[in-house]
Amino acid sequence: MTLDAARRAPGEQPGRRTTSADGIDLIKRFESLRLAPYHDDVGYPTVGYGHLLSKQKWADLSQWPVITEREADDILAQDLGRFERAVSRLVRVPLTEGQFSALVSFSFNLGSGALQASTLRRTLNRGEYHTVPTQLMRWVFAGGRKLRGLVRRREAEAILGMMWSAP
């Protein structure tokens, strides 16, 4: 199965928006590859490139197997498809490739529910593109702590979106 095919929902037409190569590189760089299940910074069981295994914090990791790099890539492709569809559904204004990919990265990291409920989405959907970099920087906390890795990721997402103005 090709990467694009893996990222489409069953029955979905080819040609829908997908994350750019730069966006995928950004996600891979910040998530990093871990083949053995681990707990993320706030305790969620995770594997591969930041794939959430369970919403149960600190769950016993022995219930999940170690995966291969190929499996991690396949899981990433499936996860990307889910977040690409969410961004396409939630954002109603035109986006450049970089803006779309930045929002997929944001959603991949925090979940599409965070994008859906965010002031970032509401202001962007009003056409206030210029607010996006500031809004991104509000999302740098995990478990009540400001994390340098999240600051760097939000900065990279803002840069990926380049000039946050209407395309």
N, C-alpha and C. Protein backbone atom coordinates (compact mmCIF):
# COMPACT_ATOMS: atom_id res chain seq x y z
N MET A 1 0.85 -1.16 0.00
CA MET A 1 0.00 0.00 0.00
C MET A 1 0.90 1.24 0.00
N THR A 2 0.56 2.24 -0.81
CA THR A 2 1.35 3.46 -0.87
C THR A 2 1.04 4.34 0.34
N LEU A 3 1.94 5.28 0.61
CA LEU A 3 1.73 6.20 1.73
C LEU A 3 0.43 6.96 1.54
N ASP A 4 0.16 7.49 0.34
CA ASP A 4 -1.07 8.23 0.11
C ASP A 4 -2.30 7.34 0.28
N ALA A 5 -2.24 6.11 -0.19
CA ALA A 5 -3.37 5.20 -0.04
C ALA A 5 -3.63 4.90 1.43
N ALA A 6 -2.57 4.73 2.20
CA ALA A 6 -2.71 4.44 3.63
C ALA A 6 -3.32 5.63 4.37
N ARG A 7 -3.14 6.82 3.83
CA ARG A 7 -3.62 8.03 4.50
C ARG A 7 -5.05 8.37 4.10
N ARG A 8 -5.66 7.63 3.20
CA ARG A 8 -7.05 7.87 2.80
C ARG A 8 -7.96 6.92 3.56
N ALA A 9 -9.10 7.42 3.95
CA ALA A 9 -10.11 6.58 4.57
C ALA A 9 -10.70 5.66 3.50
N PRO A 10 -11.22 4.49 3.88
CA PRO A 10 -11.82 3.60 2.89
C PRO A 10 -12.89 4.34 2.09
N GLY A 11 -12.82 4.24 0.77
CA GLY A 11 -13.79 4.89 -0.10
C GLY A 11 -13.52 6.35 -0.39
N GLU A 12 -12.50 6.90 0.25
CA GLU A 12 -12.19 8.32 0.04
C GLU A 12 -11.48 8.51 -1.29
N GLN A 13 -11.78 9.59 -1.96
CA GLN A 13 -11.22 9.87 -3.26
C GLN A 13 -9.78 10.35 -3.17
N PRO A 14 -8.95 9.97 -4.15
CA PRO A 14 -7.62 10.55 -4.23
C PRO A 14 -7.74 12.06 -4.47
N GLY A 15 -6.71 12.79 -4.13
CA GLY A 15 -6.71 14.22 -4.40
C GLY A 15 -7.01 15.07 -3.19
N ARG A 16 -7.35 14.48 -2.06
CA ARG A 16 -7.57 15.30 -0.87
C ARG A 16 -6.22 15.82 -0.39
N ARG A 17 -6.26 16.83 0.45
CA ARG A 17 -5.03 17.44 0.94
C ARG A 17 -4.26 16.50 1.84
N THR A 18 -2.93 16.52 1.67
CA THR A 18 -2.06 15.73 2.53
C THR A 18 -0.92 16.61 3.03
N THR A 19 -0.31 16.15 4.07
CA THR A 19 0.81 16.85 4.69
C THR A 19 2.00 16.86 3.75
N SER A 20 2.67 18.00 3.67
CA SER A 20 3.85 18.12 2.82
C SER A 20 5.01 17.30 3.40
N ALA A 21 6.01 17.07 2.57
CA ALA A 21 7.22 16.37 3.03
C ALA A 21 7.86 17.14 4.19
N ASP A 22 7.87 18.47 4.11
CA ASP A 22 8.43 19.27 5.21
C ASP A 22 7.61 19.08 6.49
N GLY A 23 6.30 18.98 6.35
CA GLY A 23 5.44 18.75 7.51
C GLY A 23 5.69 17.40 8.14
N ILE A 24 5.83 16.37 7.31
CA ILE A 24 6.12 15.03 7.82
C ILE A 24 7.48 15.02 8.51
N ASP A 25 8.46 15.67 7.90
CA ASP A 25 9.79 15.76 8.53
C ASP A 25 9.71 16.45 9.89
N LEU A 26 8.92 17.51 9.99
CA LEU A 26 8.76 18.22 11.26
C LEU A 26 8.16 17.28 12.31
N ILE A 27 7.11 16.58 11.95
CA ILE A 27 6.48 15.65 12.89
C ILE A 27 7.47 14.58 13.32
N LYS A 28 8.16 13.98 12.37
CA LYS A 28 9.13 12.93 12.70
C LYS A 28 10.24 13.47 13.59
N ARG A 29 10.70 14.68 13.31
CA ARG A 29 11.79 15.26 14.10
C ARG A 29 11.37 15.47 15.55
N PHE A 30 10.16 15.99 15.75
CA PHE A 30 9.74 16.29 17.12
C PHE A 30 9.19 15.07 17.86
N GLU A 31 8.62 14.15 17.15
CA GLU A 31 8.11 12.94 17.81
C GLU A 31 9.22 11.94 18.03
N SER A 32 10.18 11.90 17.15
CA SER A 32 11.27 10.92 17.09
C SER A 32 10.71 9.49 17.08
N LEU A 33 11.52 8.60 16.60
CA LEU A 33 11.09 7.20 16.43
C LEU A 33 11.48 6.38 17.64
N ARG A 34 10.49 5.74 18.23
CA ARG A 34 10.73 4.82 19.34
C ARG A 34 9.95 3.55 19.06
N LEU A 35 10.67 2.48 18.85
CA LEU A 35 10.05 1.22 18.45
C LEU A 35 9.45 0.46 19.63
N ALA A 36 9.96 0.69 20.80
CA ALA A 36 9.41 0.06 22.00
C ALA A 36 8.40 1.02 22.64
N PRO A 37 7.27 0.51 23.10
CA PRO A 37 6.29 1.38 23.77
C PRO A 37 6.94 2.12 24.93
N TYR A 38 6.47 3.36 25.14
CA TYR A 38 7.01 4.21 26.21
C TYR A 38 5.89 5.13 26.69
N HIS A 39 6.10 5.77 27.82
CA HIS A 39 5.16 6.77 28.32
C HIS A 39 5.65 8.14 27.85
N ASP A 40 4.74 8.94 27.28
CA ASP A 40 5.13 10.28 26.84
C ASP A 40 5.32 11.17 28.07
N ASP A 41 5.55 12.46 27.84
CA ASP A 41 5.88 13.39 28.93
C ASP A 41 4.81 13.49 30.00
N VAL A 42 3.57 13.15 29.66
CA VAL A 42 2.51 13.22 30.66
C VAL A 42 1.94 11.85 31.02
N GLY A 43 2.57 10.77 30.53
CA GLY A 43 2.21 9.43 30.99
C GLY A 43 1.38 8.58 30.05
N TYR A 44 1.10 9.06 28.84
CA TYR A 44 0.31 8.25 27.92
C TYR A 44 1.18 7.22 27.20
N PRO A 45 0.71 5.98 27.11
CA PRO A 45 1.45 4.94 26.38
C PRO A 45 1.51 5.31 24.89
N THR A 46 2.71 5.26 24.35
CA THR A 46 2.98 5.75 23.00
C THR A 46 3.99 4.83 22.34
N VAL A 47 4.01 4.82 20.99
CA VAL A 47 5.00 4.05 20.26
C VAL A 47 5.22 4.70 18.90
N GLY A 48 6.29 4.32 18.23
CA GLY A 48 6.56 4.82 16.88
C GLY A 48 6.85 6.31 16.90
N TYR A 49 6.20 7.02 15.99
CA TYR A 49 6.32 8.48 15.91
C TYR A 49 5.18 9.13 16.68
N GLY A 50 5.16 8.93 17.98
CA GLY A 50 4.16 9.59 18.81
C GLY A 50 2.76 9.03 18.69
N HIS A 51 2.63 7.76 18.31
CA HIS A 51 1.30 7.15 18.19
C HIS A 51 0.76 6.80 19.57
N LEU A 52 -0.38 7.35 19.91
CA LEU A 52 -1.02 7.09 21.20
C LEU A 52 -1.60 5.68 21.22
N LEU A 53 -1.18 4.88 22.18
CA LEU A 53 -1.67 3.51 22.31
C LEU A 53 -2.92 3.42 23.18
N SER A 54 -3.03 4.31 24.17
CA SER A 54 -4.15 4.27 25.09
C SER A 54 -4.31 5.64 25.74
N LYS A 55 -5.53 5.94 26.14
CA LYS A 55 -5.79 7.18 26.88
C LYS A 55 -5.68 6.96 28.38
N GLN A 56 -5.27 5.76 28.76
CA GLN A 56 -5.07 5.44 30.17
C GLN A 56 -3.62 5.78 30.54
N LYS A 57 -3.45 6.82 31.34
CA LYS A 57 -2.10 7.22 31.75
C LYS A 57 -1.42 6.11 32.54
N TRP A 58 -0.15 6.00 32.29
CA TRP A 58 0.75 5.08 33.00
C TRP A 58 0.30 3.62 32.89
N ALA A 59 -0.40 3.28 31.82
CA ALA A 59 -0.79 1.89 31.60
C ALA A 59 0.46 1.02 31.46
N ASP A 60 0.31 -0.24 31.82
CA ASP A 60 1.42 -1.20 31.73
C ASP A 60 1.83 -1.36 30.27
N LEU A 61 3.06 -1.05 29.96
CA LEU A 61 3.55 -1.09 28.58
C LEU A 61 3.75 -2.50 28.05
N SER A 62 3.81 -3.48 28.94
CA SER A 62 4.09 -4.84 28.47
C SER A 62 2.94 -5.42 27.63
N GLN A 63 1.80 -4.76 27.60
CA GLN A 63 0.67 -5.26 26.81
C GLN A 63 0.81 -4.94 25.32
N TRP A 64 1.81 -4.12 24.95
CA TRP A 64 2.02 -3.77 23.55
C TRP A 64 3.39 -4.26 23.10
N PRO A 65 3.47 -4.75 21.87
CA PRO A 65 4.75 -5.27 21.37
C PRO A 65 5.67 -4.16 20.86
N VAL A 66 6.91 -4.49 20.76
CA VAL A 66 7.87 -3.64 20.05
C VAL A 66 7.49 -3.71 18.57
N ILE A 67 7.62 -2.61 17.86
CA ILE A 67 7.26 -2.59 16.44
C ILE A 67 8.51 -2.39 15.58
N THR A 68 8.35 -2.58 14.29
CA THR A 68 9.46 -2.34 13.35
C THR A 68 9.36 -0.92 12.81
N GLU A 69 10.42 -0.46 12.16
CA GLU A 69 10.39 0.87 11.56
C GLU A 69 9.32 0.93 10.46
N ARG A 70 9.16 -0.13 9.72
CA ARG A 70 8.12 -0.18 8.69
C ARG A 70 6.73 -0.04 9.31
N GLU A 71 6.50 -0.74 10.41
CA GLU A 71 5.22 -0.61 11.10
C GLU A 71 5.02 0.81 11.62
N ALA A 72 6.07 1.42 12.13
CA ALA A 72 5.98 2.81 12.61
C ALA A 72 5.59 3.75 11.47
N ASP A 73 6.18 3.54 10.29
CA ASP A 73 5.83 4.37 9.13
C ASP A 73 4.38 4.15 8.72
N ASP A 74 3.91 2.91 8.74
CA ASP A 74 2.52 2.61 8.39
C ASP A 74 1.55 3.25 9.39
N ILE A 75 1.88 3.16 10.66
CA ILE A 75 1.04 3.77 11.70
C ILE A 75 1.03 5.29 11.53
N LEU A 76 2.19 5.87 11.24
CA LEU A 76 2.27 7.31 11.02
C LEU A 76 1.38 7.72 9.85
N ALA A 77 1.42 6.97 8.76
CA ALA A 77 0.60 7.29 7.59
C ALA A 77 -0.89 7.28 7.95
N GLN A 78 -1.31 6.29 8.73
CA GLN A 78 -2.71 6.21 9.15
C GLN A 78 -3.07 7.37 10.06
N ASP A 79 -2.20 7.68 11.02
CA ASP A 79 -2.45 8.80 11.93
C ASP A 79 -2.53 10.11 11.15
N LEU A 80 -1.61 10.31 10.22
CA LEU A 80 -1.63 11.55 9.42
C LEU A 80 -2.95 11.70 8.68
N GLY A 81 -3.42 10.62 8.09
CA GLY A 81 -4.69 10.68 7.37
C GLY A 81 -5.83 11.16 8.26
N ARG A 82 -5.87 10.66 9.48
CA ARG A 82 -6.92 11.06 10.42
C ARG A 82 -6.83 12.55 10.74
N PHE A 83 -5.61 13.05 10.97
CA PHE A 83 -5.45 14.46 11.32
C PHE A 83 -5.61 15.38 10.11
N GLU A 84 -5.23 14.91 8.95
CA GLU A 84 -5.45 15.70 7.72
C GLU A 84 -6.95 15.89 7.49
N ARG A 85 -7.72 14.84 7.67
CA ARG A 85 -9.17 14.95 7.51
C ARG A 85 -9.76 15.90 8.55
N ALA A 86 -9.24 15.85 9.77
CA ALA A 86 -9.74 16.73 10.83
C ALA A 86 -9.46 18.19 10.49
N VAL A 87 -8.24 18.50 10.07
CA VAL A 87 -7.90 19.89 9.72
C VAL A 87 -8.77 20.34 8.55
N SER A 88 -8.94 19.51 7.56
CA SER A 88 -9.77 19.86 6.40
C SER A 88 -11.21 20.14 6.82
N ARG A 89 -11.71 19.39 7.78
CA ARG A 89 -13.08 19.56 8.25
C ARG A 89 -13.23 20.80 9.15
N LEU A 90 -12.23 21.08 9.97
CA LEU A 90 -12.36 22.12 10.99
C LEU A 90 -11.98 23.52 10.51
N VAL A 91 -11.10 23.60 9.53
CA VAL A 91 -10.64 24.91 9.06
C VAL A 91 -11.38 25.25 7.77
N ARG A 92 -12.05 26.38 7.79
CA ARG A 92 -12.92 26.74 6.67
C ARG A 92 -12.35 27.84 5.77
N VAL A 93 -11.14 28.27 6.04
CA VAL A 93 -10.52 29.29 5.19
C VAL A 93 -9.43 28.63 4.36
N PRO A 94 -9.06 29.24 3.23
CA PRO A 94 -7.99 28.65 2.41
C PRO A 94 -6.67 28.62 3.17
N LEU A 95 -5.89 27.58 2.93
CA LEU A 95 -4.58 27.43 3.57
C LEU A 95 -3.53 27.12 2.52
N THR A 96 -2.34 27.63 2.74
CA THR A 96 -1.21 27.22 1.91
C THR A 96 -0.82 25.80 2.32
N GLU A 97 0.02 25.17 1.54
CA GLU A 97 0.52 23.83 1.89
C GLU A 97 1.21 23.86 3.25
N GLY A 98 2.02 24.87 3.49
CA GLY A 98 2.74 24.97 4.76
C GLY A 98 1.80 25.21 5.93
N GLN A 99 0.79 26.05 5.75
CA GLN A 99 -0.18 26.31 6.81
C GLN A 99 -0.95 25.04 7.16
N PHE A 100 -1.40 24.33 6.12
CA PHE A 100 -2.12 23.08 6.33
C PHE A 100 -1.24 22.08 7.09
N SER A 101 -0.01 21.93 6.66
CA SER A 101 0.91 20.97 7.29
C SER A 101 1.21 21.36 8.73
N ALA A 102 1.35 22.66 9.00
CA ALA A 102 1.59 23.13 10.37
C ALA A 102 0.41 22.78 11.27
N LEU A 103 -0.81 22.93 10.76
CA LEU A 103 -1.98 22.61 11.56
C LEU A 103 -2.15 21.10 11.74
N VAL A 104 -1.72 20.32 10.77
CA VAL A 104 -1.73 18.86 10.94
C VAL A 104 -0.74 18.49 12.05
N SER A 105 0.45 19.08 12.04
CA SER A 105 1.44 18.81 13.08
C SER A 105 0.89 19.17 14.46
N PHE A 106 0.27 20.33 14.55
CA PHE A 106 -0.35 20.79 15.81
C PHE A 106 -1.37 19.76 16.29
N SER A 107 -2.26 19.35 15.38
CA SER A 107 -3.31 18.38 15.73
C SER A 107 -2.74 17.02 16.07
N PHE A 108 -1.71 16.61 15.34
CA PHE A 108 -1.05 15.34 15.60
C PHE A 108 -0.51 15.33 17.03
N ASN A 109 0.06 16.43 17.45
CA ASN A 109 0.66 16.54 18.77
C ASN A 109 -0.37 16.62 19.89
N LEU A 110 -1.44 17.35 19.65
CA LEU A 110 -2.39 17.65 20.72
C LEU A 110 -3.74 16.97 20.58
N GLY A 111 -4.02 16.42 19.41
CA GLY A 111 -5.32 15.84 19.13
C GLY A 111 -6.22 16.83 18.42
N SER A 112 -7.10 16.30 17.58
CA SER A 112 -7.97 17.19 16.81
C SER A 112 -8.99 17.90 17.70
N GLY A 113 -9.29 17.33 18.86
CA GLY A 113 -10.19 18.00 19.80
C GLY A 113 -9.61 19.32 20.28
N ALA A 114 -8.30 19.37 20.46
CA ALA A 114 -7.66 20.62 20.88
C ALA A 114 -7.81 21.67 19.79
N LEU A 115 -7.60 21.28 18.53
CA LEU A 115 -7.79 22.24 17.44
C LEU A 115 -9.24 22.68 17.38
N GLN A 116 -10.16 21.74 17.49
CA GLN A 116 -11.57 22.06 17.40
C GLN A 116 -12.00 23.07 18.46
N ALA A 117 -11.52 22.92 19.67
CA ALA A 117 -11.93 23.78 20.78
C ALA A 117 -11.12 25.06 20.89
N SER A 118 -10.11 25.22 20.07
CA SER A 118 -9.14 26.30 20.27
C SER A 118 -9.57 27.66 19.74
N THR A 119 -9.07 28.68 20.40
CA THR A 119 -9.19 30.05 19.90
C THR A 119 -8.42 30.17 18.59
N LEU A 120 -7.35 29.43 18.45
CA LEU A 120 -6.57 29.40 17.21
C LEU A 120 -7.49 29.13 16.02
N ARG A 121 -8.29 28.08 16.10
CA ARG A 121 -9.19 27.72 15.00
C ARG A 121 -10.26 28.79 14.80
N ARG A 122 -10.83 29.29 15.89
CA ARG A 122 -11.90 30.29 15.76
C ARG A 122 -11.39 31.56 15.09
N THR A 123 -10.21 32.03 15.51
CA THR A 123 -9.70 33.27 14.91
C THR A 123 -9.26 33.03 13.46
N LEU A 124 -8.66 31.89 13.19
CA LEU A 124 -8.26 31.57 11.82
C LEU A 124 -9.48 31.50 10.91
N ASN A 125 -10.55 30.86 11.38
CA ASN A 125 -11.76 30.75 10.57
C ASN A 125 -12.45 32.10 10.35
N ARG A 126 -12.10 33.09 11.15
CA ARG A 126 -12.59 34.46 10.91
C ARG A 126 -11.67 35.20 9.94
N GLY A 127 -10.63 34.50 9.46
CA GLY A 127 -9.71 35.12 8.51
C GLY A 127 -8.57 35.89 9.17
N GLU A 128 -8.40 35.72 10.47
CA GLU A 128 -7.36 36.42 11.22
C GLU A 128 -6.09 35.57 11.24
N TYR A 129 -5.53 35.36 10.05
CA TYR A 129 -4.35 34.51 9.89
C TYR A 129 -3.19 34.98 10.77
N HIS A 130 -3.05 36.29 10.89
CA HIS A 130 -1.91 36.86 11.62
C HIS A 130 -1.88 36.45 13.09
N THR A 131 -3.00 35.96 13.64
CA THR A 131 -3.04 35.57 15.05
C THR A 131 -2.48 34.17 15.29
N VAL A 132 -2.32 33.38 14.22
CA VAL A 132 -1.95 31.97 14.39
C VAL A 132 -0.63 31.78 15.13
N PRO A 133 0.47 32.47 14.76
CA PRO A 133 1.71 32.22 15.51
C PRO A 133 1.58 32.48 17.01
N THR A 134 0.87 33.53 17.39
CA THR A 134 0.66 33.81 18.82
C THR A 134 -0.20 32.73 19.46
N GLN A 135 -1.24 32.30 18.75
CA GLN A 135 -2.10 31.26 19.28
C GLN A 135 -1.35 29.93 19.43
N LEU A 136 -0.50 29.61 18.47
CA LEU A 136 0.30 28.39 18.57
C LEU A 136 1.13 28.39 19.86
N MET A 137 1.69 29.54 20.20
CA MET A 137 2.59 29.62 21.35
C MET A 137 1.85 29.49 22.69
N ARG A 138 0.53 29.48 22.66
CA ARG A 138 -0.23 29.24 23.88
C ARG A 138 -0.23 27.76 24.24
N TRP A 139 0.17 26.91 23.30
CA TRP A 139 0.09 25.46 23.46
C TRP A 139 1.47 24.85 23.69
N VAL A 140 2.14 25.30 24.74
CA VAL A 140 3.51 24.85 25.04
C VAL A 140 3.61 24.20 26.42
N PHE A 141 2.47 23.84 26.98
CA PHE A 141 2.45 23.25 28.32
C PHE A 141 1.98 21.80 28.26
N ALA A 142 2.56 20.97 29.08
CA ALA A 142 2.13 19.58 29.24
C ALA A 142 2.22 19.25 30.72
N GLY A 143 1.14 18.74 31.25
CA GLY A 143 1.13 18.41 32.66
C GLY A 143 1.38 19.62 33.53
N GLY A 144 0.94 20.80 33.07
CA GLY A 144 1.10 22.04 33.82
C GLY A 144 2.49 22.65 33.75
N ARG A 145 3.39 22.06 32.96
CA ARG A 145 4.76 22.57 32.84
C ARG A 145 5.01 23.07 31.42
N LYS A 146 5.69 24.18 31.32
CA LYS A 146 6.11 24.68 30.01
C LYS A 146 7.30 23.85 29.57
N LEU A 147 7.17 23.23 28.39
CA LEU A 147 8.23 22.36 27.90
C LEU A 147 8.96 23.01 26.73
N ARG A 148 10.28 23.04 26.84
CA ARG A 148 11.11 23.64 25.79
C ARG A 148 10.88 22.95 24.43
N GLY A 149 10.68 21.64 24.44
CA GLY A 149 10.42 20.93 23.20
C GLY A 149 9.14 21.39 22.53
N LEU A 150 8.11 21.71 23.33
CA LEU A 150 6.86 22.21 22.75
C LEU A 150 7.03 23.63 22.24
N VAL A 151 7.83 24.43 22.92
CA VAL A 151 8.12 25.79 22.43
C VAL A 151 8.79 25.69 21.06
N ARG A 152 9.80 24.83 20.95
CA ARG A 152 10.51 24.66 19.66
C ARG A 152 9.57 24.13 18.58
N ARG A 153 8.70 23.21 18.94
CA ARG A 153 7.77 22.65 17.95
C ARG A 153 6.80 23.73 17.46
N ARG A 154 6.22 24.50 18.38
CA ARG A 154 5.29 25.55 17.97
C ARG A 154 6.00 26.61 17.11
N GLU A 155 7.24 26.92 17.45
CA GLU A 155 8.02 27.86 16.61
C GLU A 155 8.22 27.28 15.21
N ALA A 156 8.53 25.99 15.13
CA ALA A 156 8.74 25.33 13.83
C ALA A 156 7.43 25.29 13.03
N GLU A 157 6.31 25.06 13.71
CA GLU A 157 5.01 25.06 13.03
C GLU A 157 4.69 26.45 12.49
N ALA A 158 4.98 27.48 13.28
CA ALA A 158 4.73 28.85 12.82
C ALA A 158 5.57 29.16 11.58
N ILE A 159 6.83 28.71 11.59
CA ILE A 159 7.72 28.93 10.44
C ILE A 159 7.23 28.14 9.24
N LEU A 160 6.80 26.90 9.44
CA LEU A 160 6.30 26.07 8.34
C LEU A 160 5.12 26.75 7.65
N GLY A 161 4.28 27.42 8.43
CA GLY A 161 3.15 28.15 7.87
C GLY A 161 3.57 29.44 7.18
N MET A 162 4.83 29.78 7.32
CA MET A 162 5.43 30.99 6.72
C MET A 162 4.61 32.21 7.07
N MET A 163 4.38 33.03 6.10
CA MET A 163 3.59 34.23 6.32
C MET A 163 2.16 33.80 6.61
N TRP A 164 1.71 33.98 7.83
CA TRP A 164 0.35 33.59 8.18
C TRP A 164 -0.58 34.70 7.70
N SER A 165 -0.88 34.62 6.42
CA SER A 165 -1.85 35.52 5.80
C SER A 165 -2.65 34.69 4.80
N ALA A 166 -3.73 35.25 4.33
CA ALA A 166 -4.58 34.53 3.37
C ALA A 166 -3.77 34.19 2.13
N PRO A 167 -3.90 32.96 1.63
CA PRO A 167 -3.17 32.58 0.42
C PRO A 167 -3.67 33.34 -0.82
